[in-house]
Amino acid sequence: MKISVSSIRLVLAIMAVIATMATAASAQQLIGTYTIDYYYNAVGCMDGFPNSPPSNPFYCTYIPPGPVVIPASPGPYRATVSVAPGLTFYSAGVIWNGDANSGSSMLLPTTPGASVDFNHTGADIVFYYWDWYPWDNSPSWGEQIQLYRENTPEPGTLMMFGTGLLALVGAFRRKLF
């Protein structure tokens, strides 16, 4: 059986495209799954009440253990919320991007299964509920958060994908004309 050079090129091009797609599909890395509740993970000073952004979670922590602090390297991340086993879903969680000196906050999504993408600039990623008076909250209110690191494809991966596509086009072009 004779195998033509164009058949080998076609197979190699298809393999390059498939390998690149598999690399791109694994672009998310699960960092961890975290559960926060509105009693033990609530923090906040009165200064942010009622309409200001939530306060820095490193201050005004009343009931231990306080916020969930994840040391993380800078880069793109995704937080996906879900219903935590044994908890009534309560959608008011906050992400803090920073440290005790400075940072920024954003609200977690309010729908189970929804995600929010953010660019972490350094120091810590912190999950918490903002409430300056947590004693009237129930520890059965909460949510679960899956934190993913979004890995961007390396330039070499994109070049391999493009080369594979060009080879496929070339292989079909030779057969058609």
C-alpha atoms as a PDB file:
ATOM      1  CA  MET A   1       0.000   0.000   0.000  1.00  0.00           C
ATOM      2  CA  LYS A   2       1.415   3.311  -1.079  1.00  0.00           C
ATOM      3  CA  ILE A   3       0.846   6.372   1.127  1.00  0.00           C
ATOM      4  CA  SER A   4       1.096   9.666  -0.669  1.00  0.00           C
ATOM      5  CA  VAL A   5       2.927  12.678   0.697  1.00  0.00           C
ATOM      6  CA  SER A   6      -0.282  14.723   0.578  1.00  0.00           C
ATOM      7  CA  SER A   7      -2.034  12.126   2.788  1.00  0.00           C
ATOM      8  CA  ILE A   8       0.768  12.373   5.354  1.00  0.00           C
ATOM      9  CA  ARG A   9       0.539  16.166   5.276  1.00  0.00           C
ATOM     10  CA  LEU A  10      -3.211  15.983   5.758  1.00  0.00           C
ATOM     11  CA  VAL A  11      -2.884  13.664   8.772  1.00  0.00           C
ATOM     12  CA  LEU A  12      -0.167  15.837  10.340  1.00  0.00           C
ATOM     13  CA  ALA A  13      -2.254  18.979   9.810  1.00  0.00           C
ATOM     14  CA  ILE A  14      -5.278  17.375  11.443  1.00  0.00           C
ATOM     15  CA  MET A  15      -3.136  16.219  14.382  1.00  0.00           C
ATOM     16  CA  ALA A  16      -1.741  19.755  14.853  1.00  0.00           C
ATOM     17  CA  VAL A  17      -5.238  21.255  14.896  1.00  0.00           C
ATOM     18  CA  ILE A  18      -6.532  18.619  17.366  1.00  0.00           C
ATOM     19  CA  ALA A  19      -3.522  19.031  19.679  1.00  0.00           C
ATOM     20  CA  THR A  20      -3.966  22.793  19.680  1.00  0.00           C
ATOM     21  CA  MET A  21      -7.678  22.529  20.428  1.00  0.00           C
ATOM     22  CA  ALA A  22      -6.965  20.156  23.341  1.00  0.00           C
ATOM     23  CA  THR A  23      -4.419  22.635  24.743  1.00  0.00           C
ATOM     24  CA  ALA A  24      -6.891  25.507  24.467  1.00  0.00           C
ATOM     25  CA  ALA A  25      -9.661  23.450  26.098  1.00  0.00           C
ATOM     26  CA  SER A  26      -7.518  22.833  29.186  1.00  0.00           C
ATOM     27  CA  ALA A  27      -6.938  26.560  29.654  1.00  0.00           C
ATOM     28  CA  GLN A  28      -8.647  26.577  33.064  1.00  0.00           C
ATOM     29  CA  GLN A  29      -6.979  25.304  36.210  1.00  0.00           C
ATOM     30  CA  LEU A  30      -9.109  24.732  39.307  1.00  0.00           C
ATOM     31  CA  ILE A  31      -7.405  26.452  42.254  1.00  0.00           C
ATOM     32  CA  GLY A  32      -9.950  25.272  44.811  1.00  0.00           C
ATOM     33  CA  THR A  33     -13.533  25.136  46.011  1.00  0.00           C
ATOM     34  CA  TYR A  34     -14.388  27.455  48.881  1.00  0.00           C
ATOM     35  CA  THR A  35     -17.509  27.775  51.002  1.00  0.00           C
ATOM     36  CA  ILE A  36     -18.461  31.040  52.655  1.00  0.00           C
ATOM     37  CA  ASP A  37     -21.375  31.658  54.968  1.00  0.00           C
ATOM     38  CA  TYR A  38     -23.022  34.868  56.061  1.00  0.00           C
ATOM     39  CA  TYR A  39     -22.162  34.396  59.738  1.00  0.00           C
ATOM     40  CA  TYR A  40     -18.567  33.175  60.070  1.00  0.00           C
ATOM     41  CA  ASN A  41     -17.259  34.825  56.900  1.00  0.00           C
ATOM     42  CA  ALA A  42     -18.972  38.205  57.254  1.00  0.00           C
ATOM     43  CA  VAL A  43     -16.749  41.240  57.766  1.00  0.00           C
ATOM     44  CA  GLY A  44     -17.135  44.955  57.360  1.00  0.00           C
ATOM     45  CA  CYS A  45     -16.876  48.326  58.986  1.00  0.00           C
ATOM     46  CA  MET A  46     -19.733  50.774  59.277  1.00  0.00           C
ATOM     47  CA  ASP A  47     -17.887  53.176  56.919  1.00  0.00           C
ATOM     48  CA  GLY A  48     -19.175  51.410  53.813  1.00  0.00           C
ATOM     49  CA  PHE A  49     -22.816  51.469  54.832  1.00  0.00           C
ATOM     50  CA  PRO A  50     -25.268  51.653  53.092  1.00  0.00           C
ATOM     51  CA  ASN A  51     -24.307  52.357  49.470  1.00  0.00           C
ATOM     52  CA  SER A  52     -20.510  52.463  49.350  1.00  0.00           C
ATOM     53  CA  PRO A  53     -18.425  49.561  48.052  1.00  0.00           C
ATOM     54  CA  PRO A  54     -17.780  46.840  50.623  1.00  0.00           C
ATOM     55  CA  SER A  55     -14.979  47.573  53.071  1.00  0.00           C
ATOM     56  CA  ASN A  56     -11.510  46.054  53.175  1.00  0.00           C
ATOM     57  CA  PRO A  57     -12.026  42.498  54.553  1.00  0.00           C
ATOM     58  CA  PHE A  58      -8.817  42.623  56.588  1.00  0.00           C
ATOM     59  CA  TYR A  59     -10.484  45.008  59.049  1.00  0.00           C
ATOM     60  CA  CYS A  60     -13.606  44.729  61.170  1.00  0.00           C
ATOM     61  CA  THR A  61     -13.674  40.948  61.359  1.00  0.00           C
ATOM     62  CA  TYR A  62     -15.955  40.076  64.251  1.00  0.00           C
ATOM     63  CA  ILE A  63     -16.628  36.315  64.266  1.00  0.00           C
ATOM     64  CA  PRO A  64     -13.742  33.905  63.516  1.00  0.00           C
ATOM     65  CA  PRO A  65     -12.555  32.604  61.126  1.00  0.00           C
ATOM     66  CA  GLY A  66     -13.476  35.650  59.021  1.00  0.00           C
ATOM     67  CA  PRO A  67     -12.853  35.962  55.299  1.00  0.00           C
ATOM     68  CA  VAL A  68     -11.421  33.186  53.137  1.00  0.00           C
ATOM     69  CA  VAL A  69      -7.962  34.381  52.040  1.00  0.00           C
ATOM     70  CA  ILE A  70      -6.249  32.742  49.049  1.00  0.00           C
ATOM     71  CA  PRO A  71      -2.675  33.812  48.236  1.00  0.00           C
ATOM     72  CA  ALA A  72      -2.548  33.949  44.441  1.00  0.00           C
ATOM     73  CA  SER A  73      -0.216  35.058  41.698  1.00  0.00           C
ATOM     74  CA  PRO A  74      -1.341  37.868  39.378  1.00  0.00           C
ATOM     75  CA  GLY A  75      -3.333  36.976  36.281  1.00  0.00           C
ATOM     76  CA  PRO A  76      -6.803  36.211  34.962  1.00  0.00           C
ATOM     77  CA  TYR A  77      -9.202  34.249  37.197  1.00  0.00           C
ATOM     78  CA  ARG A  78     -12.797  33.040  37.110  1.00  0.00           C
ATOM     79  CA  ALA A  79     -15.067  32.564  40.128  1.00  0.00           C
ATOM     80  CA  THR A  80     -18.135  30.365  39.676  1.00  0.00           C
ATOM     81  CA  VAL A  81     -20.798  30.275  42.380  1.00  0.00           C
ATOM     82  CA  SER A  82     -22.962  27.306  43.302  1.00  0.00           C
ATOM     83  CA  VAL A  83     -25.202  26.074  46.067  1.00  0.00           C
ATOM     84  CA  ALA A  84     -23.116  24.788  48.964  1.00  0.00           C
ATOM     85  CA  PRO A  85     -24.142  21.420  50.428  1.00  0.00           C
ATOM     86  CA  GLY A  86     -26.087  21.993  53.627  1.00  0.00           C
ATOM     87  CA  LEU A  87     -26.476  25.747  53.114  1.00  0.00           C
ATOM     88  CA  THR A  88     -29.328  27.881  51.853  1.00  0.00           C
ATOM     89  CA  PHE A  89     -27.999  29.801  48.841  1.00  0.00           C
ATOM     90  CA  TYR A  90     -27.420  33.420  49.729  1.00  0.00           C
ATOM     91  CA  SER A  91     -26.068  35.589  46.960  1.00  0.00           C
ATOM     92  CA  ALA A  92     -24.257  38.567  48.388  1.00  0.00           C
ATOM     93  CA  GLY A  93     -20.671  37.365  48.379  1.00  0.00           C
ATOM     94  CA  VAL A  94     -17.753  39.648  47.602  1.00  0.00           C
ATOM     95  CA  ILE A  95     -14.330  39.168  45.989  1.00  0.00           C
ATOM     96  CA  TRP A  96     -11.476  41.313  47.301  1.00  0.00           C
ATOM     97  CA  ASN A  97      -8.470  41.706  45.027  1.00  0.00           C
ATOM     98  CA  GLY A  98      -5.558  42.984  47.129  1.00  0.00           C
ATOM     99  CA  ASP A  99      -4.187  43.028  50.652  1.00  0.00           C
ATOM    100  CA  ALA A 100      -4.768  44.824  53.955  1.00  0.00           C
ATOM    101  CA  ASN A 101      -3.304  48.061  52.585  1.00  0.00           C
ATOM    102  CA  SER A 102      -5.251  48.396  49.352  1.00  0.00           C
ATOM    103  CA  GLY A 103      -7.411  46.572  46.881  1.00  0.00           C
ATOM    104  CA  SER A 104     -10.698  46.545  45.062  1.00  0.00           C
ATOM    105  CA  SER A 105     -13.919  44.635  45.533  1.00  0.00           C
ATOM    106  CA  MET A 106     -16.553  43.190  43.245  1.00  0.00           C
ATOM    107  CA  LEU A 107     -19.726  41.253  43.891  1.00  0.00           C
ATOM    108  CA  LEU A 108     -19.984  37.569  43.130  1.00  0.00           C
ATOM    109  CA  PRO A 109     -22.761  36.545  40.697  1.00  0.00           C
ATOM    110  CA  THR A 110     -26.232  36.202  42.178  1.00  0.00           C
ATOM    111  CA  THR A 111     -27.283  33.099  40.220  1.00  0.00           C
ATOM    112  CA  PRO A 112     -25.984  29.579  40.973  1.00  0.00           C
ATOM    113  CA  GLY A 113     -23.795  28.405  38.106  1.00  0.00           C
ATOM    114  CA  ALA A 114     -22.906  31.936  36.998  1.00  0.00           C
ATOM    115  CA  SER A 115     -19.296  33.126  36.789  1.00  0.00           C
ATOM    116  CA  VAL A 116     -17.362  36.343  36.985  1.00  0.00           C
ATOM    117  CA  ASP A 117     -13.975  36.862  35.335  1.00  0.00           C
ATOM    118  CA  PHE A 118     -11.468  39.223  36.898  1.00  0.00           C
ATOM    119  CA  ASN A 119      -7.834  40.168  36.621  1.00  0.00           C
ATOM    120  CA  HIS A 120      -6.015  39.600  39.895  1.00  0.00           C
ATOM    121  CA  THR A 121      -3.289  42.200  40.340  1.00  0.00           C
ATOM    122  CA  GLY A 122      -1.404  40.599  43.212  1.00  0.00           C
ATOM    123  CA  ALA A 123      -1.395  39.802  46.929  1.00  0.00           C
ATOM    124  CA  ASP A 124      -4.567  37.868  47.862  1.00  0.00           C
ATOM    125  CA  ILE A 125      -7.955  36.869  46.529  1.00  0.00           C
ATOM    126  CA  VAL A 126     -10.450  37.075  49.389  1.00  0.00           C
ATOM    127  CA  PHE A 127     -14.023  35.751  49.524  1.00  0.00           C
ATOM    128  CA  TYR A 128     -16.405  37.116  52.156  1.00  0.00           C
ATOM    129  CA  TYR A 129     -19.780  38.610  52.912  1.00  0.00           C
ATOM    130  CA  TRP A 130     -19.911  42.283  53.762  1.00  0.00           C
ATOM    131  CA  ASP A 131     -21.986  43.058  56.823  1.00  0.00           C
ATOM    132  CA  TRP A 132     -21.036  45.380  59.637  1.00  0.00           C
ATOM    133  CA  TYR A 133     -23.362  43.529  62.048  1.00  0.00           C
ATOM    134  CA  PRO A 134     -23.076  39.759  61.394  1.00  0.00           C
ATOM    135  CA  TRP A 135     -24.728  38.565  64.639  1.00  0.00           C
ATOM    136  CA  ASP A 136     -28.194  38.663  63.072  1.00  0.00           C
ATOM    137  CA  ASN A 137     -27.118  36.418  60.173  1.00  0.00           C
ATOM    138  CA  SER A 138     -27.541  32.666  59.960  1.00  0.00           C
ATOM    139  CA  PRO A 139     -24.543  30.364  59.471  1.00  0.00           C
ATOM    140  CA  SER A 140     -26.810  28.315  57.173  1.00  0.00           C
ATOM    141  CA  TRP A 141     -26.823  31.097  54.548  1.00  0.00           C
ATOM    142  CA  GLY A 142     -23.958  30.841  52.111  1.00  0.00           C
ATOM    143  CA  GLU A 143     -22.544  29.802  48.803  1.00  0.00           C
ATOM    144  CA  GLN A 144     -19.788  27.732  47.300  1.00  0.00           C
ATOM    145  CA  ILE A 145     -17.189  29.246  44.985  1.00  0.00           C
ATOM    146  CA  GLN A 146     -14.983  27.434  42.490  1.00  0.00           C
ATOM    147  CA  LEU A 147     -11.901  29.512  41.734  1.00  0.00           C
ATOM    148  CA  TYR A 148     -10.169  28.885  38.402  1.00  0.00           C
ATOM    149  CA  ARG A 149      -6.961  30.286  36.985  1.00  0.00           C
ATOM    150  CA  GLU A 150      -7.528  31.233  33.351  1.00  0.00           C
ATOM    151  CA  ASN A 151      -4.434  30.296  31.381  1.00  0.00           C
ATOM    152  CA  THR A 152      -4.034  32.138  28.124  1.00  0.00           C
ATOM    153  CA  PRO A 153      -2.653  30.039  25.274  1.00  0.00           C
ATOM    154  CA  GLU A 154       1.014  30.610  24.590  1.00  0.00           C
ATOM    155  CA  PRO A 155       1.952  32.220  21.256  1.00  0.00           C
ATOM    156  CA  GLY A 156       3.510  28.935  20.100  1.00  0.00           C
ATOM    157  CA  THR A 157       0.169  27.177  20.531  1.00  0.00           C
ATOM    158  CA  LEU A 158      -1.584  29.739  18.376  1.00  0.00           C
ATOM    159  CA  MET A 159       1.137  29.483  15.727  1.00  0.00           C
ATOM    160  CA  MET A 160       0.782  25.678  15.670  1.00  0.00           C
ATOM    161  CA  PHE A 161      -2.985  26.046  15.241  1.00  0.00           C
ATOM    162  CA  GLY A 162      -2.524  28.468  12.338  1.00  0.00           C
ATOM    163  CA  THR A 163       0.073  26.252  10.691  1.00  0.00           C
ATOM    164  CA  GLY A 164      -2.245  23.255  10.986  1.00  0.00           C
ATOM    165  CA  LEU A 165      -5.105  25.183   9.411  1.00  0.00           C
ATOM    166  CA  LEU A 166      -2.898  26.389   6.561  1.00  0.00           C
ATOM    167  CA  ALA A 167      -1.722  22.834   5.938  1.00  0.00           C
ATOM    168  CA  LEU A 168      -5.327  21.610   5.845  1.00  0.00           C
ATOM    169  CA  VAL A 169      -6.294  24.293   3.356  1.00  0.00           C
ATOM    170  CA  GLY A 170      -3.260  23.465   1.238  1.00  0.00           C
ATOM    171  CA  ALA A 171      -4.033  19.736   1.279  1.00  0.00           C
ATOM    172  CA  PHE A 172      -7.612  20.248   0.181  1.00  0.00           C
ATOM    173  CA  ARG A 173      -6.635  22.851  -2.393  1.00  0.00           C
ATOM    174  CA  ARG A 174      -4.215  20.436  -4.060  1.00  0.00           C
ATOM    175  CA  LYS A 175      -6.895  17.734  -4.256  1.00  0.00           C
ATOM    176  CA  LEU A 176      -9.586  20.053  -5.621  1.00  0.00           C
ATOM    177  CA  PHE A 177      -7.570  21.697  -8.383  1.00  0.00           C
END
